[in-house]
Amino acid sequence: MKISPQFRIAFYYVVLSALWIWFSDRALNALVHGQAELTILQSVKGGVFVLFTGIVLYWMIGRDMRRLNAANQLLLDGHEQTLRVLVSAMDIRHRETGDHSDRVMRVAGGLARLAGVHGHALRNLALGALLHDIGKLAMPDAVLVKPGRLDDEEMAVMRQHPRLGFELLQRVDFLRDAADIPYSHHERWDGTGYPQGLRGDEIPLAARIFSVVDVWDALITARVYKPAWPEAEVLDYLRNAAGSQLDPNLVALFLGHYDVLKKLGETDAN
């Protein structure tokens, strides 16, 4: 039978306490005969006991927490590997160029760090960037891979994918907080985006960061419906889109560190 960490710690504590009381009481009784002196030494003994057991408990709990954190990290790594396989299959179905989803995740993560995002927020941003188009799994191929412009009816179908992606991620506990990008990366700074029509700072920061990267990647790489744009034209487009489509501060941050962020996009994820 597997022993739980709580039981093991409690058992060790009880055993150590019993042994300490048993031996220390007998040692003091054998060495000390005056009542006042014995009382003082009993107090000192109790203080030593509390300090010693506190140190032991701190070490044992810390050891178990490190093991738990390592196990959790293995679990998260396994989840991420599974998601990468799913997203790779999705990119193939969508006929994206190369490792599109993984590439924009890396660049968005770099821009996010420059913008001061860290910790759990950075992890959620990375997962959201990787899964930004997860809602397209529900799109029909006639719309998803059409080699030309979509008509109004097809565009209405396509515009459902952010909401579908949000609903999918809400079904998975560890992905619920990563839904900002899948849900909001088609919102625009001027409020003319979809699906919610958010404006300016109403748009989650993660989605605003990702939108800059996604627009850059969409233009600088070839797609089924267009050739790649020259780099100078892509950067000009970003400058012109600042304040209308994109957060102007994040565009400036992206352009100010463009060489570094571009290298992140060129890095092999493997």
C-alpha atoms as a PDB file:
ATOM      1  CA  MET A   1       0.000   0.000   0.000  1.00  0.00           C
ATOM      2  CA  LYS A   2       1.343   3.440  -0.929  1.00  0.00           C
ATOM      3  CA  ILE A   3       1.884   5.754   2.039  1.00  0.00           C
ATOM      4  CA  SER A   4       0.755   9.362   1.546  1.00  0.00           C
ATOM      5  CA  PRO A   5       3.247  12.217   2.161  1.00  0.00           C
ATOM      6  CA  GLN A   6       0.997  13.635   4.907  1.00  0.00           C
ATOM      7  CA  PHE A   7       0.927  10.357   6.835  1.00  0.00           C
ATOM      8  CA  ARG A   8       4.679   9.856   6.455  1.00  0.00           C
ATOM      9  CA  ILE A   9       5.486  13.333   7.787  1.00  0.00           C
ATOM     10  CA  ALA A  10       3.037  13.003  10.686  1.00  0.00           C
ATOM     11  CA  PHE A  11       4.393   9.555  11.578  1.00  0.00           C
ATOM     12  CA  TYR A  12       7.992  10.749  11.615  1.00  0.00           C
ATOM     13  CA  TYR A  13       7.017  13.732  13.724  1.00  0.00           C
ATOM     14  CA  VAL A  14       5.242  11.574  16.321  1.00  0.00           C
ATOM     15  CA  VAL A  15       8.122   9.083  16.499  1.00  0.00           C
ATOM     16  CA  LEU A  16      10.758  11.792  16.872  1.00  0.00           C
ATOM     17  CA  SER A  17       8.678  13.575  19.501  1.00  0.00           C
ATOM     18  CA  ALA A  18       8.173  10.392  21.556  1.00  0.00           C
ATOM     19  CA  LEU A  19      11.851   9.466  21.399  1.00  0.00           C
ATOM     20  CA  TRP A  20      12.951  12.943  22.336  1.00  0.00           C
ATOM     21  CA  ILE A  21      10.597  13.161  25.345  1.00  0.00           C
ATOM     22  CA  TRP A  22      11.477   9.672  26.563  1.00  0.00           C
ATOM     23  CA  PHE A  23      15.265  10.032  26.447  1.00  0.00           C
ATOM     24  CA  SER A  24      15.553  13.706  27.342  1.00  0.00           C
ATOM     25  CA  ASP A  25      13.326  13.407  30.431  1.00  0.00           C
ATOM     26  CA  ARG A  26      15.337  10.496  31.753  1.00  0.00           C
ATOM     27  CA  ALA A  27      18.629  12.194  31.041  1.00  0.00           C
ATOM     28  CA  LEU A  28      17.571  15.331  32.922  1.00  0.00           C
ATOM     29  CA  ASN A  29      16.224  13.359  35.883  1.00  0.00           C
ATOM     30  CA  ALA A  30      19.507  11.491  36.125  1.00  0.00           C
ATOM     31  CA  LEU A  31      21.679  14.594  35.909  1.00  0.00           C
ATOM     32  CA  VAL A  32      19.697  17.292  37.748  1.00  0.00           C
ATOM     33  CA  HIS A  33      18.270  17.120  41.282  1.00  0.00           C
ATOM     34  CA  GLY A  34      17.184  20.708  42.027  1.00  0.00           C
ATOM     35  CA  GLN A  35      13.568  21.534  41.065  1.00  0.00           C
ATOM     36  CA  ALA A  36      14.252  25.125  39.915  1.00  0.00           C
ATOM     37  CA  GLU A  37      17.170  24.102  37.784  1.00  0.00           C
ATOM     38  CA  LEU A  38      15.170  21.200  36.401  1.00  0.00           C
ATOM     39  CA  THR A  39      12.323  23.537  35.399  1.00  0.00           C
ATOM     40  CA  ILE A  40      14.688  25.835  33.516  1.00  0.00           C
ATOM     41  CA  LEU A  41      16.319  22.954  31.732  1.00  0.00           C
ATOM     42  CA  GLN A  42      12.903  21.522  30.818  1.00  0.00           C
ATOM     43  CA  SER A  43      12.049  24.858  29.185  1.00  0.00           C
ATOM     44  CA  VAL A  44      15.330  24.907  27.296  1.00  0.00           C
ATOM     45  CA  LYS A  45      14.756  21.310  26.239  1.00  0.00           C
ATOM     46  CA  GLY A  46      11.307  22.184  24.950  1.00  0.00           C
ATOM     47  CA  GLY A  47      12.683  25.095  22.958  1.00  0.00           C
ATOM     48  CA  VAL A  48      15.384  22.933  21.434  1.00  0.00           C
ATOM     49  CA  PHE A  49      12.779  20.333  20.567  1.00  0.00           C
ATOM     50  CA  VAL A  50      10.531  22.858  18.826  1.00  0.00           C
ATOM     51  CA  LEU A  51      13.475  24.265  16.853  1.00  0.00           C
ATOM     52  CA  PHE A  52      14.800  20.843  15.853  1.00  0.00           C
ATOM     53  CA  THR A  53      11.422  19.435  14.806  1.00  0.00           C
ATOM     54  CA  GLY A  54      10.644  22.632  12.905  1.00  0.00           C
ATOM     55  CA  ILE A  55      13.859  22.243  10.920  1.00  0.00           C
ATOM     56  CA  VAL A  56      13.112  18.580  10.224  1.00  0.00           C
ATOM     57  CA  LEU A  57       9.544  19.325   9.136  1.00  0.00           C
ATOM     58  CA  TYR A  58      10.719  22.186   6.926  1.00  0.00           C
ATOM     59  CA  TRP A  59      13.212  19.879   5.200  1.00  0.00           C
ATOM     60  CA  MET A  60      10.697  17.040   4.751  1.00  0.00           C
ATOM     61  CA  ILE A  61       7.948  19.291   3.405  1.00  0.00           C
ATOM     62  CA  GLY A  62      10.438  21.017   1.100  1.00  0.00           C
ATOM     63  CA  ARG A  63      11.636  17.676  -0.234  1.00  0.00           C
ATOM     64  CA  ASP A  64       8.080  16.544  -0.950  1.00  0.00           C
ATOM     65  CA  MET A  65       7.220  19.898  -2.548  1.00  0.00           C
ATOM     66  CA  ARG A  66      10.235  19.605  -4.852  1.00  0.00           C
ATOM     67  CA  ARG A  67       9.121  16.127  -5.852  1.00  0.00           C
ATOM     68  CA  LEU A  68       5.574  17.390  -6.424  1.00  0.00           C
ATOM     69  CA  ASN A  69       6.805  20.321  -8.510  1.00  0.00           C
ATOM     70  CA  ALA A  70       8.972  17.992 -10.586  1.00  0.00           C
ATOM     71  CA  ALA A  71       6.000  15.691 -11.171  1.00  0.00           C
ATOM     72  CA  ASN A  72       3.812  18.649 -12.117  1.00  0.00           C
ATOM     73  CA  GLN A  73       6.436  19.902 -14.549  1.00  0.00           C
ATOM     74  CA  LEU A  74       6.625  16.482 -16.193  1.00  0.00           C
ATOM     75  CA  LEU A  75       2.850  16.522 -16.508  1.00  0.00           C
ATOM     76  CA  LEU A  76       2.861  20.014 -18.019  1.00  0.00           C
ATOM     77  CA  ASP A  77       5.643  19.052 -20.427  1.00  0.00           C
ATOM     78  CA  GLY A  78       3.598  16.029 -21.491  1.00  0.00           C
ATOM     79  CA  HIS A  79       0.539  18.225 -22.029  1.00  0.00           C
ATOM     80  CA  GLU A  80       2.574  20.679 -24.089  1.00  0.00           C
ATOM     81  CA  GLN A  81       4.039  17.932 -26.259  1.00  0.00           C
ATOM     82  CA  THR A  82       0.541  16.618 -26.913  1.00  0.00           C
ATOM     83  CA  LEU A  83      -0.676  20.107 -27.789  1.00  0.00           C
ATOM     84  CA  ARG A  84       2.255  20.617 -30.158  1.00  0.00           C
ATOM     85  CA  VAL A  85       1.340  17.454 -32.047  1.00  0.00           C
ATOM     86  CA  LEU A  86      -2.288  18.592 -32.260  1.00  0.00           C
ATOM     87  CA  VAL A  87      -1.291  22.052 -33.459  1.00  0.00           C
ATOM     88  CA  SER A  88       1.141  20.639 -36.026  1.00  0.00           C
ATOM     89  CA  ALA A  89      -1.677  18.560 -37.467  1.00  0.00           C
ATOM     90  CA  MET A  90      -3.891  21.633 -37.488  1.00  0.00           C
ATOM     91  CA  ASP A  91      -1.267  23.700 -39.287  1.00  0.00           C
ATOM     92  CA  ILE A  92      -0.949  20.980 -41.914  1.00  0.00           C
ATOM     93  CA  ARG A  93      -4.710  20.933 -42.383  1.00  0.00           C
ATOM     94  CA  HIS A  94      -4.737  24.718 -42.661  1.00  0.00           C
ATOM     95  CA  ARG A  95      -1.781  24.554 -45.057  1.00  0.00           C
ATOM     96  CA  GLU A  96       0.234  26.980 -42.988  1.00  0.00           C
ATOM     97  CA  THR A  97       3.892  27.562 -43.756  1.00  0.00           C
ATOM     98  CA  GLY A  98       6.363  25.595 -41.666  1.00  0.00           C
ATOM     99  CA  ASP A  99       5.865  25.654 -37.930  1.00  0.00           C
ATOM    100  CA  HIS A 100       3.495  28.658 -37.947  1.00  0.00           C
ATOM    101  CA  SER A 101       1.881  28.158 -34.543  1.00  0.00           C
ATOM    102  CA  ASP A 102       5.131  27.283 -32.802  1.00  0.00           C
ATOM    103  CA  ARG A 103       6.909  30.185 -34.498  1.00  0.00           C
ATOM    104  CA  VAL A 104       4.386  32.828 -33.459  1.00  0.00           C
ATOM    105  CA  MET A 105       4.412  31.363 -29.933  1.00  0.00           C
ATOM    106  CA  ARG A 106       8.177  31.912 -29.683  1.00  0.00           C
ATOM    107  CA  VAL A 107       8.069  35.459 -31.038  1.00  0.00           C
ATOM    108  CA  ALA A 108       5.012  36.419 -28.978  1.00  0.00           C
ATOM    109  CA  GLY A 109       6.758  35.087 -25.876  1.00  0.00           C
ATOM    110  CA  GLY A 110       9.783  37.260 -26.641  1.00  0.00           C
ATOM    111  CA  LEU A 111       7.638  40.362 -27.139  1.00  0.00           C
ATOM    112  CA  ALA A 112       5.697  39.571 -23.966  1.00  0.00           C
ATOM    113  CA  ARG A 113       8.890  39.419 -21.899  1.00  0.00           C
ATOM    114  CA  LEU A 114       9.900  42.815 -23.286  1.00  0.00           C
ATOM    115  CA  ALA A 115       6.467  44.105 -22.259  1.00  0.00           C
ATOM    116  CA  GLY A 116       6.999  42.899 -18.682  1.00  0.00           C
ATOM    117  CA  VAL A 117       4.931  39.709 -18.758  1.00  0.00           C
ATOM    118  CA  HIS A 118       6.333  36.890 -16.627  1.00  0.00           C
ATOM    119  CA  GLY A 119       5.430  33.885 -14.481  1.00  0.00           C
ATOM    120  CA  HIS A 120       2.056  32.206 -14.953  1.00  0.00           C
ATOM    121  CA  ALA A 121       0.882  35.007 -17.244  1.00  0.00           C
ATOM    122  CA  LEU A 122       3.778  34.294 -19.619  1.00  0.00           C
ATOM    123  CA  ARG A 123       3.055  30.573 -19.579  1.00  0.00           C
ATOM    124  CA  ASN A 124      -0.631  31.185 -20.316  1.00  0.00           C
ATOM    125  CA  LEU A 125       0.327  33.546 -23.125  1.00  0.00           C
ATOM    126  CA  ALA A 126       2.605  30.917 -24.673  1.00  0.00           C
ATOM    127  CA  LEU A 127      -0.132  28.272 -24.546  1.00  0.00           C
ATOM    128  CA  GLY A 128      -2.688  30.712 -25.925  1.00  0.00           C
ATOM    129  CA  ALA A 129      -0.353  31.654 -28.772  1.00  0.00           C
ATOM    130  CA  LEU A 130       0.252  28.001 -29.597  1.00  0.00           C
ATOM    131  CA  LEU A 131      -3.507  27.357 -29.626  1.00  0.00           C
ATOM    132  CA  HIS A 132      -4.596  30.679 -31.130  1.00  0.00           C
ATOM    133  CA  ASP A 133      -6.476  29.065 -34.012  1.00  0.00           C
ATOM    134  CA  ILE A 134      -7.774  25.994 -32.171  1.00  0.00           C
ATOM    135  CA  GLY A 135     -11.327  27.013 -33.061  1.00  0.00           C
ATOM    136  CA  LYS A 136     -10.557  26.392 -36.736  1.00  0.00           C
ATOM    137  CA  LEU A 137     -10.717  22.675 -36.039  1.00  0.00           C
ATOM    138  CA  ALA A 138     -14.485  23.122 -36.331  1.00  0.00           C
ATOM    139  CA  MET A 139     -14.279  24.941 -39.677  1.00  0.00           C
ATOM    140  CA  PRO A 140     -15.230  23.145 -42.913  1.00  0.00           C
ATOM    141  CA  ASP A 141     -12.381  22.627 -45.394  1.00  0.00           C
ATOM    142  CA  ALA A 142     -14.306  24.558 -48.057  1.00  0.00           C
ATOM    143  CA  VAL A 143     -13.850  27.664 -45.925  1.00  0.00           C
ATOM    144  CA  LEU A 144     -10.591  26.904 -44.161  1.00  0.00           C
ATOM    145  CA  VAL A 145      -8.404  26.133 -47.185  1.00  0.00           C
ATOM    146  CA  LYS A 146     -10.222  28.035 -49.909  1.00  0.00           C
ATOM    147  CA  PRO A 147      -7.513  29.331 -52.320  1.00  0.00           C
ATOM    148  CA  GLY A 148      -8.967  32.802 -52.610  1.00  0.00           C
ATOM    149  CA  ARG A 149     -11.000  35.460 -50.834  1.00  0.00           C
ATOM    150  CA  LEU A 150     -13.967  34.334 -48.763  1.00  0.00           C
ATOM    151  CA  ASP A 151     -17.438  35.622 -49.629  1.00  0.00           C
ATOM    152  CA  ASP A 152     -19.645  37.197 -46.957  1.00  0.00           C
ATOM    153  CA  GLU A 153     -21.264  33.930 -45.925  1.00  0.00           C
ATOM    154  CA  GLU A 154     -17.937  32.123 -45.685  1.00  0.00           C
ATOM    155  CA  MET A 155     -16.435  35.000 -43.723  1.00  0.00           C
ATOM    156  CA  ALA A 156     -19.317  34.814 -41.244  1.00  0.00           C
ATOM    157  CA  VAL A 157     -18.492  31.137 -40.714  1.00  0.00           C
ATOM    158  CA  MET A 158     -14.767  31.864 -40.331  1.00  0.00           C
ATOM    159  CA  ARG A 159     -15.445  34.571 -37.762  1.00  0.00           C
ATOM    160  CA  GLN A 160     -16.949  31.990 -35.463  1.00  0.00           C
ATOM    161  CA  HIS A 161     -13.569  30.390 -34.748  1.00  0.00           C
ATOM    162  CA  PRO A 162     -12.489  32.682 -31.877  1.00  0.00           C
ATOM    163  CA  ARG A 163     -15.632  31.912 -29.905  1.00  0.00           C
ATOM    164  CA  LEU A 164     -15.370  28.204 -30.709  1.00  0.00           C
ATOM    165  CA  GLY A 165     -11.736  28.205 -29.575  1.00  0.00           C
ATOM    166  CA  PHE A 166     -12.671  29.919 -26.325  1.00  0.00           C
ATOM    167  CA  GLU A 167     -15.400  27.371 -25.651  1.00  0.00           C
ATOM    168  CA  LEU A 168     -13.022  24.482 -26.346  1.00  0.00           C
ATOM    169  CA  LEU A 169     -10.392  25.773 -23.931  1.00  0.00           C
ATOM    170  CA  GLN A 170     -12.941  26.326 -21.175  1.00  0.00           C
ATOM    171  CA  ARG A 171     -13.464  22.552 -21.113  1.00  0.00           C
ATOM    172  CA  VAL A 172      -9.833  21.935 -20.089  1.00  0.00           C
ATOM    173  CA  ASP A 173      -8.889  23.062 -16.574  1.00  0.00           C
ATOM    174  CA  PHE A 174      -5.249  23.950 -17.213  1.00  0.00           C
ATOM    175  CA  LEU A 175      -6.086  25.834 -20.434  1.00  0.00           C
ATOM    176  CA  ARG A 176      -8.908  28.065 -19.177  1.00  0.00           C
ATOM    177  CA  ASP A 177      -6.558  30.924 -18.338  1.00  0.00           C
ATOM    178  CA  ALA A 178      -4.892  30.636 -21.751  1.00  0.00           C
ATOM    179  CA  ALA A 179      -8.029  31.607 -23.683  1.00  0.00           C
ATOM    180  CA  ASP A 180      -7.359  35.356 -24.072  1.00  0.00           C
ATOM    181  CA  ILE A 181      -5.442  34.964 -27.328  1.00  0.00           C
ATOM    182  CA  PRO A 182      -7.719  32.397 -29.043  1.00  0.00           C
ATOM    183  CA  TYR A 183     -10.759  34.501 -28.102  1.00  0.00           C
ATOM    184  CA  SER A 184      -9.455  38.028 -28.722  1.00  0.00           C
ATOM    185  CA  HIS A 185      -6.616  38.016 -31.259  1.00  0.00           C
ATOM    186  CA  HIS A 186      -8.934  39.304 -34.011  1.00  0.00           C
ATOM    187  CA  GLU A 187     -10.019  42.313 -31.965  1.00  0.00           C
ATOM    188  CA  ARG A 188      -8.676  45.643 -33.248  1.00  0.00           C
ATOM    189  CA  TRP A 189      -7.291  48.598 -31.342  1.00  0.00           C
ATOM    190  CA  ASP A 190      -9.937  50.897 -32.893  1.00  0.00           C
ATOM    191  CA  GLY A 191     -12.824  48.607 -31.886  1.00  0.00           C
ATOM    192  CA  THR A 192     -13.715  47.313 -35.361  1.00  0.00           C
ATOM    193  CA  GLY A 193     -12.533  43.733 -34.772  1.00  0.00           C
ATOM    194  CA  TYR A 194     -14.422  40.596 -33.796  1.00  0.00           C
ATOM    195  CA  PRO A 195     -16.026  38.713 -32.073  1.00  0.00           C
ATOM    196  CA  GLN A 196     -16.620  41.165 -29.190  1.00  0.00           C
ATOM    197  CA  GLY A 197     -15.750  44.530 -30.740  1.00  0.00           C
ATOM    198  CA  LEU A 198     -13.319  45.389 -27.930  1.00  0.00           C
ATOM    199  CA  ARG A 199     -11.354  48.636 -28.139  1.00  0.00           C
ATOM    200  CA  GLY A 200      -7.918  49.708 -26.896  1.00  0.00           C
ATOM    201  CA  ASP A 201      -7.006  48.481 -23.439  1.00  0.00           C
ATOM    202  CA  GLU A 202     -10.268  46.525 -23.245  1.00  0.00           C
ATOM    203  CA  ILE A 203      -8.463  43.932 -25.346  1.00  0.00           C
ATOM    204  CA  PRO A 204      -6.436  41.586 -23.090  1.00  0.00           C
ATOM    205  CA  LEU A 205      -2.717  42.373 -23.141  1.00  0.00           C
ATOM    206  CA  ALA A 206      -1.838  38.851 -24.287  1.00  0.00           C
ATOM    207  CA  ALA A 207      -4.114  39.208 -27.316  1.00  0.00           C
ATOM    208  CA  ARG A 208      -2.694  42.651 -28.178  1.00  0.00           C
ATOM    209  CA  ILE A 209       0.844  41.283 -28.013  1.00  0.00           C
ATOM    210  CA  PHE A 210      -0.027  38.290 -30.133  1.00  0.00           C
ATOM    211  CA  SER A 211      -1.886  40.355 -32.754  1.00  0.00           C
ATOM    212  CA  VAL A 212       1.290  42.275 -33.594  1.00  0.00           C
ATOM    213  CA  VAL A 213       3.221  39.047 -34.048  1.00  0.00           C
ATOM    214  CA  ASP A 214       0.443  37.288 -35.950  1.00  0.00           C
ATOM    215  CA  VAL A 215       0.043  40.133 -38.446  1.00  0.00           C
ATOM    216  CA  TRP A 216       3.807  40.228 -38.976  1.00  0.00           C
ATOM    217  CA  ASP A 217       3.980  36.465 -39.514  1.00  0.00           C
ATOM    218  CA  ALA A 218       0.938  36.404 -41.810  1.00  0.00           C
ATOM    219  CA  LEU A 219       2.496  39.006 -44.099  1.00  0.00           C
ATOM    220  CA  ILE A 220       6.135  37.923 -44.105  1.00  0.00           C
ATOM    221  CA  THR A 221       5.398  34.259 -44.939  1.00  0.00           C
ATOM    222  CA  ALA A 222       3.722  32.793 -48.001  1.00  0.00           C
ATOM    223  CA  ARG A 223       0.197  31.490 -47.562  1.00  0.00           C
ATOM    224  CA  VAL A 224      -2.081  29.436 -49.780  1.00  0.00           C
ATOM    225  CA  TYR A 225      -3.846  32.629 -50.830  1.00  0.00           C
ATOM    226  CA  LYS A 226      -0.830  34.988 -51.219  1.00  0.00           C
ATOM    227  CA  PRO A 227       2.955  35.197 -51.651  1.00  0.00           C
ATOM    228  CA  ALA A 228       5.231  36.480 -48.885  1.00  0.00           C
ATOM    229  CA  TRP A 229       5.574  40.259 -48.681  1.00  0.00           C
ATOM    230  CA  PRO A 230       9.000  41.928 -48.767  1.00  0.00           C
ATOM    231  CA  GLU A 231      10.236  42.627 -45.258  1.00  0.00           C
ATOM    232  CA  ALA A 232      10.317  46.417 -45.711  1.00  0.00           C
ATOM    233  CA  GLU A 233       6.672  46.424 -46.770  1.00  0.00           C
ATOM    234  CA  VAL A 234       5.709  44.287 -43.780  1.00  0.00           C
ATOM    235  CA  LEU A 235       7.370  46.695 -41.348  1.00  0.00           C
ATOM    236  CA  ASP A 236       5.721  49.664 -43.084  1.00  0.00           C
ATOM    237  CA  TYR A 237       2.356  47.935 -42.729  1.00  0.00           C
ATOM    238  CA  LEU A 238       2.902  47.494 -38.990  1.00  0.00           C
ATOM    239  CA  ARG A 239       3.780  51.176 -38.600  1.00  0.00           C
ATOM    240  CA  ASN A 240       0.638  52.187 -40.481  1.00  0.00           C
ATOM    241  CA  ALA A 241      -1.534  49.741 -38.513  1.00  0.00           C
ATOM    242  CA  ALA A 242      -0.382  51.143 -35.162  1.00  0.00           C
ATOM    243  CA  GLY A 243      -3.270  52.953 -33.522  1.00  0.00           C
ATOM    244  CA  SER A 244      -5.934  51.440 -35.779  1.00  0.00           C
ATOM    245  CA  GLN A 245      -5.543  47.678 -36.000  1.00  0.00           C
ATOM    246  CA  LEU A 246      -2.724  47.254 -33.472  1.00  0.00           C
ATOM    247  CA  ASP A 247      -1.646  48.617 -30.090  1.00  0.00           C
ATOM    248  CA  PRO A 248       0.775  51.446 -31.018  1.00  0.00           C
ATOM    249  CA  ASN A 249       2.986  50.940 -27.962  1.00  0.00           C
ATOM    250  CA  LEU A 250       3.433  47.257 -28.705  1.00  0.00           C
ATOM    251  CA  VAL A 251       4.159  47.948 -32.368  1.00  0.00           C
ATOM    252  CA  ALA A 252       6.875  50.372 -31.297  1.00  0.00           C
ATOM    253  CA  LEU A 253       8.277  47.787 -28.870  1.00  0.00           C
ATOM    254  CA  PHE A 254       8.238  45.120 -31.589  1.00  0.00           C
ATOM    255  CA  LEU A 255       9.981  47.348 -34.152  1.00  0.00           C
ATOM    256  CA  GLY A 256      12.481  48.574 -31.568  1.00  0.00           C
ATOM    257  CA  HIS A 257      13.623  45.007 -30.903  1.00  0.00           C
ATOM    258  CA  TYR A 258      12.882  43.603 -34.331  1.00  0.00           C
ATOM    259  CA  ASP A 259      16.240  41.938 -34.994  1.00  0.00           C
ATOM    260  CA  VAL A 260      16.102  40.008 -31.712  1.00  0.00           C
ATOM    261  CA  LEU A 261      12.461  38.959 -32.156  1.00  0.00           C
ATOM    262  CA  LYS A 262      13.033  37.977 -35.771  1.00  0.00           C
ATOM    263  CA  LYS A 263      15.773  35.573 -34.646  1.00  0.00           C
ATOM    264  CA  LEU A 264      13.312  33.935 -32.250  1.00  0.00           C
ATOM    265  CA  GLY A 265      11.084  33.268 -35.240  1.00  0.00           C
ATOM    266  CA  GLU A 266      13.959  31.666 -37.091  1.00  0.00           C
ATOM    267  CA  THR A 267      14.997  29.428 -34.171  1.00  0.00           C
ATOM    268  CA  ASP A 268      14.294  25.728 -34.605  1.00  0.00           C
ATOM    269  CA  ALA A 269      11.743  24.761 -31.937  1.00  0.00           C
ATOM    270  CA  ASN A 270      13.427  21.414 -31.609  1.00  0.00           C
END
